[in-house]
Amino acid sequence: MGEGRTLFWSGGTRRRGAVVLVLNSFARKALLTFKLISSCLLRVRVEGKHGKMPVLTCYALTNEAKDEDKDDSYAFLSSELSSVPPHNYLIVLEDFNAGIANSSGLYDAANGPMAVDILNDNGKPLLNCCITHALLVTDTWFLRRDIAMQTWYSNDGKTKEMLDYIIIR
């Protein structure tokens, strides 16, 4: 890509439903492995300060996608999460197309008090996956300025939501 950046792309010739990972030259040197799981999920391992760390980048299907396709997507993610030993650090990044909320109390182990959206159909499987694999949605645990909370803005300029998350173990 120039300027010392490397682009990893999973989506063939279509931009929709693809996972993109851009690494600067420093991060590229730390890269140990790269594995494409599906067009919506890829896994890299990087050498970190505390050892080797897997990083998963995901693109979850939108609410309009078929339930079977969304279930398959989360099955791939869950399988990949299960393959990471529980004592390892883990980072999951990218676009989950999920609205999550903190009002129900069901997902308090994964979801913090700063979630800004309502729980939508994509939010439930994401939070269930987080609970199952002992993951935290970090974006919901810290107070930030309003402008930094939303990650998606509609074309009308009025609708804004938090759909992209950084999830860790």
C-alpha atoms as a PDB file:
ATOM      1  CA  MET A   1       0.000   0.000   0.000  1.00  0.00           C
ATOM      2  CA  GLY A   2       2.959   2.314   0.270  1.00  0.00           C
ATOM      3  CA  GLU A   3       4.066   4.273   3.314  1.00  0.00           C
ATOM      4  CA  GLY A   4       5.156   1.006   4.954  1.00  0.00           C
ATOM      5  CA  ARG A   5       1.654  -0.471   5.177  1.00  0.00           C
ATOM      6  CA  THR A   6       0.593  -4.017   4.255  1.00  0.00           C
ATOM      7  CA  LEU A   7      -3.013  -4.818   3.329  1.00  0.00           C
ATOM      8  CA  PHE A   8      -4.603  -8.216   4.035  1.00  0.00           C
ATOM      9  CA  TRP A   9      -7.912  -8.667   2.216  1.00  0.00           C
ATOM     10  CA  SER A  10     -10.378 -11.557   2.436  1.00  0.00           C
ATOM     11  CA  GLY A  11     -13.202 -10.557   0.141  1.00  0.00           C
ATOM     12  CA  GLY A  12     -12.090 -11.268  -3.416  1.00  0.00           C
ATOM     13  CA  THR A  13     -13.282  -8.552  -5.774  1.00  0.00           C
ATOM     14  CA  ARG A  14     -16.285  -7.429  -3.691  1.00  0.00           C
ATOM     15  CA  ARG A  15     -15.912  -4.860  -0.934  1.00  0.00           C
ATOM     16  CA  ARG A  16     -19.036  -5.989   0.946  1.00  0.00           C
ATOM     17  CA  GLY A  17     -18.621  -8.770   3.432  1.00  0.00           C
ATOM     18  CA  ALA A  18     -14.846  -8.656   3.437  1.00  0.00           C
ATOM     19  CA  VAL A  19     -12.334  -8.463   6.210  1.00  0.00           C
ATOM     20  CA  VAL A  20      -9.544  -5.952   5.818  1.00  0.00           C
ATOM     21  CA  LEU A  21      -6.490  -5.730   8.009  1.00  0.00           C
ATOM     22  CA  VAL A  22      -3.883  -3.024   7.456  1.00  0.00           C
ATOM     23  CA  LEU A  23      -0.587  -3.307   9.288  1.00  0.00           C
ATOM     24  CA  ASN A  24       2.086  -0.645   9.524  1.00  0.00           C
ATOM     25  CA  SER A  25       5.720  -1.647   9.098  1.00  0.00           C
ATOM     26  CA  PHE A  26       6.205  -2.126  12.863  1.00  0.00           C
ATOM     27  CA  ALA A  27       3.177  -4.434  13.171  1.00  0.00           C
ATOM     28  CA  ARG A  28       4.162  -6.248   9.971  1.00  0.00           C
ATOM     29  CA  LYS A  29       7.493  -7.212  11.555  1.00  0.00           C
ATOM     30  CA  ALA A  30       5.597  -8.695  14.530  1.00  0.00           C
ATOM     31  CA  LEU A  31       3.353 -10.798  12.251  1.00  0.00           C
ATOM     32  CA  LEU A  32       3.997 -14.519  12.676  1.00  0.00           C
ATOM     33  CA  THR A  33       1.124 -16.183  10.797  1.00  0.00           C
ATOM     34  CA  PHE A  34      -1.858 -15.255   8.660  1.00  0.00           C
ATOM     35  CA  LYS A  35      -4.839 -17.583   8.146  1.00  0.00           C
ATOM     36  CA  LEU A  36      -7.976 -16.859   6.142  1.00  0.00           C
ATOM     37  CA  ILE A  37     -10.878 -18.688   7.840  1.00  0.00           C
ATOM     38  CA  SER A  38     -13.657 -17.402   5.560  1.00  0.00           C
ATOM     39  CA  SER A  39     -14.432 -14.272   3.570  1.00  0.00           C
ATOM     40  CA  CYS A  40     -15.671 -12.771   6.845  1.00  0.00           C
ATOM     41  CA  LEU A  41     -13.012 -13.982   9.268  1.00  0.00           C
ATOM     42  CA  LEU A  42      -9.246 -14.003   9.329  1.00  0.00           C
ATOM     43  CA  ARG A  43      -6.708 -14.785  12.008  1.00  0.00           C
ATOM     44  CA  VAL A  44      -3.193 -13.504  12.490  1.00  0.00           C
ATOM     45  CA  ARG A  45      -0.658 -14.226  15.214  1.00  0.00           C
ATOM     46  CA  VAL A  46       1.684 -11.506  16.311  1.00  0.00           C
ATOM     47  CA  GLU A  47       4.679 -11.474  18.590  1.00  0.00           C
ATOM     48  CA  GLY A  48       3.812  -9.240  21.531  1.00  0.00           C
ATOM     49  CA  LYS A  49       5.540  -8.079  24.672  1.00  0.00           C
ATOM     50  CA  HIS A  50       4.030 -10.997  26.632  1.00  0.00           C
ATOM     51  CA  GLY A  51       4.340 -13.678  23.957  1.00  0.00           C
ATOM     52  CA  LYS A  52       2.497 -14.744  20.840  1.00  0.00           C
ATOM     53  CA  MET A  53      -1.026 -13.357  20.536  1.00  0.00           C
ATOM     54  CA  PRO A  54      -3.828 -14.245  18.116  1.00  0.00           C
ATOM     55  CA  VAL A  55      -5.830 -11.418  16.582  1.00  0.00           C
ATOM     56  CA  LEU A  56      -9.110 -12.208  14.816  1.00  0.00           C
ATOM     57  CA  THR A  57     -10.690  -9.697  12.469  1.00  0.00           C
ATOM     58  CA  CYS A  58     -14.320 -10.179  11.550  1.00  0.00           C
ATOM     59  CA  TYR A  59     -17.109  -8.843   9.436  1.00  0.00           C
ATOM     60  CA  ALA A  60     -20.511  -9.945  10.729  1.00  0.00           C
ATOM     61  CA  LEU A  61     -23.438  -9.996   8.359  1.00  0.00           C
ATOM     62  CA  THR A  62     -26.057  -7.259   8.619  1.00  0.00           C
ATOM     63  CA  ASN A  63     -29.468  -7.719  10.247  1.00  0.00           C
ATOM     64  CA  GLU A  64     -31.008  -8.230   6.790  1.00  0.00           C
ATOM     65  CA  ALA A  65     -28.908 -11.361   6.088  1.00  0.00           C
ATOM     66  CA  LYS A  66     -30.457 -14.808   6.370  1.00  0.00           C
ATOM     67  CA  ASP A  67     -30.396 -16.266   9.876  1.00  0.00           C
ATOM     68  CA  GLU A  68     -28.685 -19.439   8.594  1.00  0.00           C
ATOM     69  CA  ASP A  69     -25.848 -17.375   7.105  1.00  0.00           C
ATOM     70  CA  LYS A  70     -25.429 -15.420  10.340  1.00  0.00           C
ATOM     71  CA  ASP A  71     -25.437 -18.666  12.344  1.00  0.00           C
ATOM     72  CA  ASP A  72     -22.718 -20.078  10.060  1.00  0.00           C
ATOM     73  CA  SER A  73     -20.655 -16.919  10.511  1.00  0.00           C
ATOM     74  CA  TYR A  74     -20.821 -17.145  14.303  1.00  0.00           C
ATOM     75  CA  ALA A  75     -20.099 -20.895  14.146  1.00  0.00           C
ATOM     76  CA  PHE A  76     -16.846 -20.109  12.281  1.00  0.00           C
ATOM     77  CA  LEU A  77     -16.007 -17.436  14.855  1.00  0.00           C
ATOM     78  CA  SER A  78     -16.855 -19.677  17.818  1.00  0.00           C
ATOM     79  CA  SER A  79     -14.796 -22.528  16.391  1.00  0.00           C
ATOM     80  CA  GLU A  80     -11.828 -20.240  15.907  1.00  0.00           C
ATOM     81  CA  LEU A  81     -12.207 -18.804  19.415  1.00  0.00           C
ATOM     82  CA  SER A  82     -12.322 -22.333  20.846  1.00  0.00           C
ATOM     83  CA  SER A  83      -9.014 -23.133  19.154  1.00  0.00           C
ATOM     84  CA  VAL A  84      -7.217 -20.435  21.176  1.00  0.00           C
ATOM     85  CA  PRO A  85      -6.004 -21.796  24.527  1.00  0.00           C
ATOM     86  CA  PRO A  86      -7.898 -20.134  27.391  1.00  0.00           C
ATOM     87  CA  HIS A  87      -4.718 -18.790  29.025  1.00  0.00           C
ATOM     88  CA  ASN A  88      -3.716 -16.849  25.875  1.00  0.00           C
ATOM     89  CA  TYR A  89      -4.412 -13.195  25.323  1.00  0.00           C
ATOM     90  CA  LEU A  90      -6.829 -12.695  22.457  1.00  0.00           C
ATOM     91  CA  ILE A  91      -8.051  -9.676  20.480  1.00  0.00           C
ATOM     92  CA  VAL A  92     -11.095  -9.704  18.216  1.00  0.00           C
ATOM     93  CA  LEU A  93     -11.594  -6.636  15.997  1.00  0.00           C
ATOM     94  CA  GLU A  94     -13.806  -5.221  13.304  1.00  0.00           C
ATOM     95  CA  ASP A  95     -17.353  -4.699  12.155  1.00  0.00           C
ATOM     96  CA  PHE A  96     -19.911  -6.817  14.013  1.00  0.00           C
ATOM     97  CA  ASN A  97     -22.990  -4.908  12.737  1.00  0.00           C
ATOM     98  CA  ALA A  98     -24.378  -5.432  16.214  1.00  0.00           C
ATOM     99  CA  GLY A  99     -26.230  -3.116  18.528  1.00  0.00           C
ATOM    100  CA  ILE A 100     -25.607  -4.036  22.143  1.00  0.00           C
ATOM    101  CA  ALA A 101     -27.115  -2.577  25.289  1.00  0.00           C
ATOM    102  CA  ASN A 102     -26.436  -2.784  28.984  1.00  0.00           C
ATOM    103  CA  SER A 103     -30.001  -2.589  30.261  1.00  0.00           C
ATOM    104  CA  SER A 104     -30.998  -6.264  30.495  1.00  0.00           C
ATOM    105  CA  GLY A 105     -28.363  -7.489  32.933  1.00  0.00           C
ATOM    106  CA  LEU A 106     -28.101 -10.800  31.040  1.00  0.00           C
ATOM    107  CA  TYR A 107     -24.797  -9.903  29.436  1.00  0.00           C
ATOM    108  CA  ASP A 108     -23.082  -7.990  32.242  1.00  0.00           C
ATOM    109  CA  ALA A 109     -20.103 -10.361  32.211  1.00  0.00           C
ATOM    110  CA  ALA A 110     -19.212  -9.229  28.663  1.00  0.00           C
ATOM    111  CA  ASN A 111     -20.893  -5.878  28.226  1.00  0.00           C
ATOM    112  CA  GLY A 112     -19.993  -2.778  30.205  1.00  0.00           C
ATOM    113  CA  PRO A 113     -22.161   0.106  31.407  1.00  0.00           C
ATOM    114  CA  MET A 114     -21.292   2.439  28.492  1.00  0.00           C
ATOM    115  CA  ALA A 115     -23.094   0.634  25.653  1.00  0.00           C
ATOM    116  CA  VAL A 116     -25.080   3.197  23.708  1.00  0.00           C
ATOM    117  CA  ASP A 117     -27.405   1.237  21.407  1.00  0.00           C
ATOM    118  CA  ILE A 118     -30.380  -1.038  21.807  1.00  0.00           C
ATOM    119  CA  LEU A 119     -29.824  -4.787  21.649  1.00  0.00           C
ATOM    120  CA  ASN A 120     -30.561  -5.908  18.093  1.00  0.00           C
ATOM    121  CA  ASP A 121     -30.693  -9.330  16.411  1.00  0.00           C
ATOM    122  CA  ASN A 122     -26.954  -9.243  15.713  1.00  0.00           C
ATOM    123  CA  GLY A 123     -26.131  -8.128  19.240  1.00  0.00           C
ATOM    124  CA  LYS A 124     -27.538 -11.238  20.907  1.00  0.00           C
ATOM    125  CA  PRO A 125     -25.271 -13.784  19.179  1.00  0.00           C
ATOM    126  CA  LEU A 126     -22.272 -11.498  19.633  1.00  0.00           C
ATOM    127  CA  LEU A 127     -22.845 -11.186  23.380  1.00  0.00           C
ATOM    128  CA  ASN A 128     -23.635 -14.914  23.694  1.00  0.00           C
ATOM    129  CA  CYS A 129     -20.346 -15.652  21.938  1.00  0.00           C
ATOM    130  CA  CYS A 130     -18.534 -13.291  24.322  1.00  0.00           C
ATOM    131  CA  ILE A 131     -20.069 -14.960  27.382  1.00  0.00           C
ATOM    132  CA  THR A 132     -19.252 -18.447  26.069  1.00  0.00           C
ATOM    133  CA  HIS A 133     -15.600 -17.592  25.423  1.00  0.00           C
ATOM    134  CA  ALA A 134     -15.015 -15.237  28.421  1.00  0.00           C
ATOM    135  CA  LEU A 135     -14.543 -12.142  26.258  1.00  0.00           C
ATOM    136  CA  LEU A 136     -15.089  -8.466  27.107  1.00  0.00           C
ATOM    137  CA  VAL A 137     -16.458  -5.815  24.744  1.00  0.00           C
ATOM    138  CA  THR A 138     -13.937  -3.138  25.723  1.00  0.00           C
ATOM    139  CA  ASP A 139     -15.730  -0.284  23.969  1.00  0.00           C
ATOM    140  CA  THR A 140     -18.541  -0.518  26.516  1.00  0.00           C
ATOM    141  CA  TRP A 141     -16.403  -0.333  29.653  1.00  0.00           C
ATOM    142  CA  PHE A 142     -14.986   3.180  29.409  1.00  0.00           C
ATOM    143  CA  LEU A 143     -16.648   6.570  29.213  1.00  0.00           C
ATOM    144  CA  ARG A 144     -15.722   8.448  26.046  1.00  0.00           C
ATOM    145  CA  ARG A 145     -16.892  11.598  24.360  1.00  0.00           C
ATOM    146  CA  ASP A 146     -20.085  11.116  22.325  1.00  0.00           C
ATOM    147  CA  ILE A 147     -18.264  11.609  19.042  1.00  0.00           C
ATOM    148  CA  ALA A 148     -16.012   8.624  19.839  1.00  0.00           C
ATOM    149  CA  MET A 149     -18.835   6.282  20.872  1.00  0.00           C
ATOM    150  CA  GLN A 150     -20.530   5.811  17.490  1.00  0.00           C
ATOM    151  CA  THR A 151     -18.661   4.019  14.712  1.00  0.00           C
ATOM    152  CA  TRP A 152     -21.274   4.134  11.922  1.00  0.00           C
ATOM    153  CA  TYR A 153     -23.180   7.089  10.480  1.00  0.00           C
ATOM    154  CA  SER A 154     -26.009   6.745   7.959  1.00  0.00           C
ATOM    155  CA  ASN A 155     -26.224   8.753   4.764  1.00  0.00           C
ATOM    156  CA  ASP A 156     -28.911  10.968   6.327  1.00  0.00           C
ATOM    157  CA  GLY A 157     -26.279  12.226   8.780  1.00  0.00           C
ATOM    158  CA  LYS A 158     -28.652  11.786  11.731  1.00  0.00           C
ATOM    159  CA  THR A 159     -28.611   8.060  12.444  1.00  0.00           C
ATOM    160  CA  LYS A 160     -25.498   6.886  14.255  1.00  0.00           C
ATOM    161  CA  GLU A 161     -24.683   3.654  16.015  1.00  0.00           C
ATOM    162  CA  MET A 162     -21.870   1.753  17.680  1.00  0.00           C
ATOM    163  CA  LEU A 163     -21.393  -1.296  15.407  1.00  0.00           C
ATOM    164  CA  ASP A 164     -17.631  -1.878  15.512  1.00  0.00           C
ATOM    165  CA  TYR A 165     -16.020  -3.282  18.623  1.00  0.00           C
ATOM    166  CA  ILE A 166     -12.717  -4.251  20.163  1.00  0.00           C
ATOM    167  CA  ILE A 167     -13.164  -7.468  22.104  1.00  0.00           C
ATOM    168  CA  ILE A 168     -10.476  -8.994  24.312  1.00  0.00           C
ATOM    169  CA  ARG A 169      -9.667 -11.855  26.618  1.00  0.00           C
END
